[in-house]
C-alpha atoms as a PDB file:
ATOM      1  CA  MET A   1      36.845 112.092 127.773  1.00  0.00           C
ATOM      2  CA  LEU A   2      36.675 114.810 125.143  1.00  0.00           C
ATOM      3  CA  SER A   3      36.063 118.390 126.163  1.00  0.00           C
ATOM      4  CA  SER A   4      32.995 120.118 124.783  1.00  0.00           C
ATOM      5  CA  VAL A   5      34.761 123.484 124.803  1.00  0.00           C
ATOM      6  CA  PRO A   6      35.513 124.581 121.233  1.00  0.00           C
ATOM      7  CA  VAL A   7      39.164 125.026 120.388  1.00  0.00           C
ATOM      8  CA  ILE A   8      39.533 128.164 118.303  1.00  0.00           C
ATOM      9  CA  ALA A   9      42.659 128.300 116.208  1.00  0.00           C
ATOM     10  CA  ALA A  10      44.542 131.470 115.353  1.00  0.00           C
ATOM     11  CA  GLU A  11      46.328 132.193 112.084  1.00  0.00           C
ATOM     12  CA  CYS A  12      49.277 134.412 111.259  1.00  0.00           C
ATOM     13  CA  VAL A  13      50.747 134.675 107.721  1.00  0.00           C
ATOM     14  CA  GLY A  14      49.229 131.317 106.795  1.00  0.00           C
ATOM     15  CA  VAL A  15      50.478 129.509 109.924  1.00  0.00           C
ATOM     16  CA  THR A  16      47.739 128.164 112.193  1.00  0.00           C
ATOM     17  CA  HIS A  17      48.154 127.472 115.899  1.00  0.00           C
ATOM     18  CA  PRO A  18      45.442 125.783 118.018  1.00  0.00           C
ATOM     19  CA  GLY A  19      43.629 127.839 120.620  1.00  0.00           C
ATOM     20  CA  LYS A  20      44.497 125.361 123.378  1.00  0.00           C
ATOM     21  CA  THR A  21      47.274 122.924 124.241  1.00  0.00           C
ATOM     22  CA  VAL A  22      48.300 120.854 127.274  1.00  0.00           C
ATOM     23  CA  ALA A  23      51.491 121.008 129.349  1.00  0.00           C
ATOM     24  CA  GLY A  24      52.157 118.947 132.457  1.00  0.00           C
ATOM     25  CA  GLY A  25      48.480 118.072 132.680  1.00  0.00           C
ATOM     26  CA  ALA A  26      47.438 121.739 132.629  1.00  0.00           C
ATOM     27  CA  GLU A  27      45.311 123.160 129.823  1.00  0.00           C
ATOM     28  CA  LEU A  28      46.971 126.209 128.295  1.00  0.00           C
ATOM     29  CA  THR A  29      45.300 128.903 126.199  1.00  0.00           C
ATOM     30  CA  LEU A  30      46.855 130.740 123.296  1.00  0.00           C
ATOM     31  CA  ASN A  31      47.895 134.111 124.690  1.00  0.00           C
ATOM     32  CA  GLY A  32      49.096 135.522 121.379  1.00  0.00           C
ATOM     33  CA  LEU A  33      51.172 134.954 118.261  1.00  0.00           C
ATOM     34  CA  ARG A  34      53.306 136.999 115.917  1.00  0.00           C
ATOM     35  CA  LEU A  35      55.685 136.737 113.003  1.00  0.00           C
ATOM     36  CA  ARG A  36      59.431 136.967 113.711  1.00  0.00           C
ATOM     37  CA  GLU A  37      61.186 139.004 111.065  1.00  0.00           C
ATOM     38  CA  ALA A  38      64.957 139.251 110.788  1.00  0.00           C
ATOM     39  CA  THR A  39      67.453 141.676 109.281  1.00  0.00           C
ATOM     40  CA  VAL A  40      66.799 145.155 107.929  1.00  0.00           C
ATOM     41  CA  PHE A  41      64.988 143.470 105.028  1.00  0.00           C
ATOM     42  CA  ASN A  42      62.294 142.039 107.368  1.00  0.00           C
ATOM     43  CA  VAL A  43      62.809 138.444 106.244  1.00  0.00           C
ATOM     44  CA  ASP A  44      60.057 136.177 107.658  1.00  0.00           C
ATOM     45  CA  VAL A  45      61.587 133.527 109.948  1.00  0.00           C
ATOM     46  CA  TYR A  46      58.918 131.897 112.146  1.00  0.00           C
ATOM     47  CA  VAL A  47      55.556 132.459 113.760  1.00  0.00           C
ATOM     48  CA  ALA A  48      55.850 132.398 117.556  1.00  0.00           C
ATOM     49  CA  ALA A  49      52.833 131.335 119.646  1.00  0.00           C
ATOM     50  CA  LEU A  50      52.699 131.698 123.431  1.00  0.00           C
ATOM     51  CA  TYR A  51      50.400 129.549 125.581  1.00  0.00           C
ATOM     52  CA  LEU A  52      49.637 130.240 129.265  1.00  0.00           C
ATOM     53  CA  GLU A  53      47.340 128.887 131.974  1.00  0.00           C
ATOM     54  CA  LYS A  54      45.513 132.223 131.949  1.00  0.00           C
ATOM     55  CA  ARG A  55      45.784 135.120 129.521  1.00  0.00           C
ATOM     56  CA  LEU A  56      48.183 137.868 130.580  1.00  0.00           C
ATOM     57  CA  THR A  57      49.117 141.126 128.857  1.00  0.00           C
ATOM     58  CA  SER A  58      52.273 142.040 130.785  1.00  0.00           C
ATOM     59  CA  GLY A  59      55.650 140.593 129.834  1.00  0.00           C
ATOM     60  CA  LYS A  60      56.925 141.113 133.381  1.00  0.00           C
ATOM     61  CA  GLU A  61      53.903 139.335 134.848  1.00  0.00           C
ATOM     62  CA  ILE A  62      54.468 136.358 132.521  1.00  0.00           C
ATOM     63  CA  LEU A  63      58.210 136.238 133.297  1.00  0.00           C
ATOM     64  CA  ASP A  64      57.494 136.339 137.046  1.00  0.00           C
ATOM     65  CA  SER A  65      54.672 133.762 136.939  1.00  0.00           C
ATOM     66  CA  ALA A  66      55.269 130.200 138.091  1.00  0.00           C
ATOM     67  CA  GLY A  67      52.513 128.706 135.917  1.00  0.00           C
ATOM     68  CA  PHE A  68      53.072 126.478 132.918  1.00  0.00           C
ATOM     69  CA  LYS A  69      54.112 128.265 129.724  1.00  0.00           C
ATOM     70  CA  LYS A  70      54.661 126.958 126.217  1.00  0.00           C
ATOM     71  CA  LEU A  71      56.325 128.768 123.337  1.00  0.00           C
ATOM     72  CA  VAL A  72      56.002 127.259 119.859  1.00  0.00           C
ATOM     73  CA  LEU A  73      58.109 128.537 116.958  1.00  0.00           C
ATOM     74  CA  LYS A  74      56.847 127.355 113.563  1.00  0.00           C
ATOM     75  CA  PHE A  75      59.376 128.166 110.854  1.00  0.00           C
ATOM     76  CA  VAL A  76      58.261 129.703 107.570  1.00  0.00           C
ATOM     77  CA  ARG A  77      61.691 129.508 105.915  1.00  0.00           C
ATOM     78  CA  ASP A  78      64.853 127.406 106.094  1.00  0.00           C
ATOM     79  CA  VAL A  79      67.245 128.473 108.861  1.00  0.00           C
ATOM     80  CA  SER A  80      70.616 126.866 109.557  1.00  0.00           C
ATOM     81  CA  LYS A  81      71.551 125.386 112.923  1.00  0.00           C
ATOM     82  CA  ASP A  82      74.276 128.027 113.213  1.00  0.00           C
ATOM     83  CA  ASP A  83      71.792 130.852 112.692  1.00  0.00           C
ATOM     84  CA  VAL A  84      69.381 129.396 115.266  1.00  0.00           C
ATOM     85  CA  SER A  85      72.189 128.922 117.806  1.00  0.00           C
ATOM     86  CA  GLY A  86      73.549 132.395 117.086  1.00  0.00           C
ATOM     87  CA  ALA A  87      70.119 133.886 117.735  1.00  0.00           C
ATOM     88  CA  TRP A  88      69.921 132.127 121.135  1.00  0.00           C
ATOM     89  CA  SER A  89      73.361 133.388 122.104  1.00  0.00           C
ATOM     90  CA  GLU A  90      72.499 136.951 121.030  1.00  0.00           C
ATOM     91  CA  GLY A  91      69.170 136.812 122.855  1.00  0.00           C
ATOM     92  CA  PHE A  92      70.732 135.633 126.104  1.00  0.00           C
ATOM     93  CA  GLU A  93      73.383 138.358 125.893  1.00  0.00           C
ATOM     94  CA  LYS A  94      70.541 140.902 125.905  1.00  0.00           C
ATOM     95  CA  THR A  95      68.461 139.299 128.666  1.00  0.00           C
ATOM     96  CA  ALA A  96      70.806 137.594 131.130  1.00  0.00           C
ATOM     97  CA  GLY A  97      72.790 140.629 132.251  1.00  0.00           C
ATOM     98  CA  GLY A  98      75.309 139.714 134.941  1.00  0.00           C
ATOM     99  CA  ASP A  99      74.024 136.119 135.026  1.00  0.00           C
ATOM    100  CA  LEU A 100      75.277 135.289 131.526  1.00  0.00           C
ATOM    101  CA  GLY A 101      78.356 133.473 132.848  1.00  0.00           C
ATOM    102  CA  LYS A 102      76.192 131.201 135.027  1.00  0.00           C
ATOM    103  CA  LEU A 103      74.046 130.325 132.018  1.00  0.00           C
ATOM    104  CA  THR A 104      76.835 129.548 129.531  1.00  0.00           C
ATOM    105  CA  GLY A 105      76.769 125.762 130.002  1.00  0.00           C
ATOM    106  CA  ARG A 106      72.978 125.592 129.718  1.00  0.00           C
ATOM    107  CA  ILE A 107      72.985 127.837 126.628  1.00  0.00           C
ATOM    108  CA  ALA A 108      75.570 125.478 125.089  1.00  0.00           C
ATOM    109  CA  LYS A 109      73.277 122.517 125.878  1.00  0.00           C
ATOM    110  CA  LEU A 110      70.360 124.274 124.159  1.00  0.00           C
ATOM    111  CA  ASN A 111      72.518 125.113 121.143  1.00  0.00           C
ATOM    112  CA  GLY A 112      73.709 121.499 120.975  1.00  0.00           C
ATOM    113  CA  TRP A 113      70.130 120.312 120.515  1.00  0.00           C
ATOM    114  CA  MET A 114      69.470 122.616 117.584  1.00  0.00           C
ATOM    115  CA  THR A 115      69.315 121.378 113.992  1.00  0.00           C
ATOM    116  CA  ASP A 116      68.828 123.006 110.624  1.00  0.00           C
ATOM    117  CA  MET A 117      65.186 124.096 110.541  1.00  0.00           C
ATOM    118  CA  GLY A 118      63.096 123.931 107.371  1.00  0.00           C
ATOM    119  CA  SER A 119      59.857 125.634 106.477  1.00  0.00           C
ATOM    120  CA  GLY A 120      57.105 123.946 108.521  1.00  0.00           C
ATOM    121  CA  ASP A 121      59.492 122.739 111.261  1.00  0.00           C
ATOM    122  CA  ASN A 122      58.828 123.531 114.945  1.00  0.00           C
ATOM    123  CA  LEU A 123      60.719 124.277 118.103  1.00  0.00           C
ATOM    124  CA  THR A 124      58.665 123.925 121.289  1.00  0.00           C
ATOM    125  CA  PHE A 125      59.732 125.122 124.729  1.00  0.00           C
ATOM    126  CA  THR A 126      57.606 124.202 127.733  1.00  0.00           C
ATOM    127  CA  TYR A 127      58.150 125.735 131.163  1.00  0.00           C
ATOM    128  CA  ILE A 128      57.469 123.061 133.762  1.00  0.00           C
ATOM    129  CA  ALA A 129      57.704 123.922 137.454  1.00  0.00           C
ATOM    130  CA  LYS A 130      57.913 120.720 139.486  1.00  0.00           C
ATOM    131  CA  THR A 131      58.349 122.966 142.524  1.00  0.00           C
ATOM    132  CA  ALA A 132      58.652 126.737 142.863  1.00  0.00           C
ATOM    133  CA  THR A 133      62.433 126.379 143.165  1.00  0.00           C
ATOM    134  CA  ASP A 134      62.934 123.690 140.506  1.00  0.00           C
ATOM    135  CA  PRO A 135      61.572 124.851 137.162  1.00  0.00           C
ATOM    136  CA  ASN A 136      62.738 123.345 133.879  1.00  0.00           C
ATOM    137  CA  ILE A 137      62.297 124.143 130.230  1.00  0.00           C
ATOM    138  CA  GLU A 138      61.555 121.072 128.146  1.00  0.00           C
ATOM    139  CA  VAL A 139      62.920 121.388 124.610  1.00  0.00           C
ATOM    140  CA  ASN A 140      61.320 119.642 121.613  1.00  0.00           C
ATOM    141  CA  VAL A 141      62.614 119.835 118.050  1.00  0.00           C
ATOM    142  CA  ASN A 142      60.014 118.739 115.486  1.00  0.00           C
ATOM    143  CA  GLY A 143      58.136 116.782 118.152  1.00  0.00           C
ATOM    144  CA  ILE A 144      61.242 114.979 119.417  1.00  0.00           C
ATOM    145  CA  ARG A 145      61.998 115.610 123.078  1.00  0.00           C
ATOM    146  CA  LYS A 146      65.650 116.632 123.411  1.00  0.00           C
ATOM    147  CA  GLY A 147      65.674 117.101 127.190  1.00  0.00           C
ATOM    148  CA  THR A 148      65.205 119.716 129.865  1.00  0.00           C
ATOM    149  CA  ILE A 149      67.242 122.671 131.004  1.00  0.00           C
ATOM    150  CA  PRO A 150      66.910 123.507 134.707  1.00  0.00           C
ATOM    151  CA  GLY A 151      66.774 126.756 136.566  1.00  0.00           C
ATOM    152  CA  ASN A 152      64.494 129.726 137.023  1.00  0.00           C
ATOM    153  CA  ASP A 153      67.397 132.000 136.032  1.00  0.00           C
ATOM    154  CA  PHE A 154      67.638 130.239 132.657  1.00  0.00           C
ATOM    155  CA  ALA A 155      63.844 130.184 132.160  1.00  0.00           C
ATOM    156  CA  LYS A 156      63.453 133.884 132.915  1.00  0.00           C
ATOM    157  CA  ALA A 157      66.306 134.900 130.607  1.00  0.00           C
ATOM    158  CA  PHE A 158      64.989 132.558 127.885  1.00  0.00           C
ATOM    159  CA  PHE A 159      61.404 133.830 127.852  1.00  0.00           C
ATOM    160  CA  ALA A 160      62.678 137.427 128.197  1.00  0.00           C
ATOM    161  CA  ILE A 161      64.147 137.037 124.693  1.00  0.00           C
ATOM    162  CA  TRP A 162      60.556 137.543 123.442  1.00  0.00           C
ATOM    163  CA  LEU A 163      58.879 139.192 126.453  1.00  0.00           C
ATOM    164  CA  GLY A 164      61.656 141.424 127.826  1.00  0.00           C
ATOM    165  CA  SER A 165      62.690 144.948 126.929  1.00  0.00           C
ATOM    166  CA  GLU A 166      64.490 144.051 123.657  1.00  0.00           C
ATOM    167  CA  PRO A 167      62.489 141.484 121.668  1.00  0.00           C
ATOM    168  CA  PRO A 168      63.967 140.355 118.329  1.00  0.00           C
ATOM    169  CA  ASN A 169      61.740 142.612 116.239  1.00  0.00           C
ATOM    170  CA  GLU A 170      59.194 145.363 116.641  1.00  0.00           C
ATOM    171  CA  GLY A 171      55.744 143.980 117.361  1.00  0.00           C
ATOM    172  CA  LEU A 172      56.802 140.447 118.340  1.00  0.00           C
ATOM    173  CA  LYS A 173      56.333 141.047 122.052  1.00  0.00           C
ATOM    174  CA  SER A 174      52.983 142.844 121.581  1.00  0.00           C
ATOM    175  CA  GLY A 175      51.705 139.968 119.436  1.00  0.00           C
ATOM    176  CA  LEU A 176      52.621 137.391 122.087  1.00  0.00           C
ATOM    177  CA  LEU A 177      50.916 139.578 124.688  1.00  0.00           C
ATOM    178  CA  GLY A 178      47.647 139.293 122.762  1.00  0.00           C
ATOM    179  CA  GLY A 179      48.069 141.940 120.072  1.00  0.00           C
ATOM    180  CA  SER A 180      47.491 141.395 116.382  1.00  0.00           C
ATOM    181  CA  CYS A 181      49.594 139.200 114.144  1.00  0.00           C
ATOM    182  CA  GLY A 182      50.800 142.242 112.284  1.00  0.00           C
END
């Protein structure tokens, strides 16, 4: 049965994301989106969109929540597999703290699933909590399910890359928390 609720899309630098999506049977709402820029030259890389079961404006609250979450990265330029993997490794170094050693194997698994990304390609990460103690992140590359990575420690460190104290660029976190595209 189709829902009668309108689905309002949001746009950022020409990239459109739907206002709603589904994860694990739960309807998720677009919480926010923002452009990821890299290097001192502010090179556009991707538009990140964060979906949650209910809108939240606190990174800590989102990181601590057990509800479904979905992060979609839609690339606006070509990025090599090595650059994508390097960004994950750098992000985890900033967010994992003393747990980095415990995450090394799972980070390697994530990096192993990465491919060269072209303009228009997507990476999708869905937080699925089968139980409060058994969450997983499902990884999709261009709509192809690569697998899941278990552990709340991994999930928290992963989402903290964008929602923690040191997001990849100024404004990215605020955009995902419902601020403007930039």
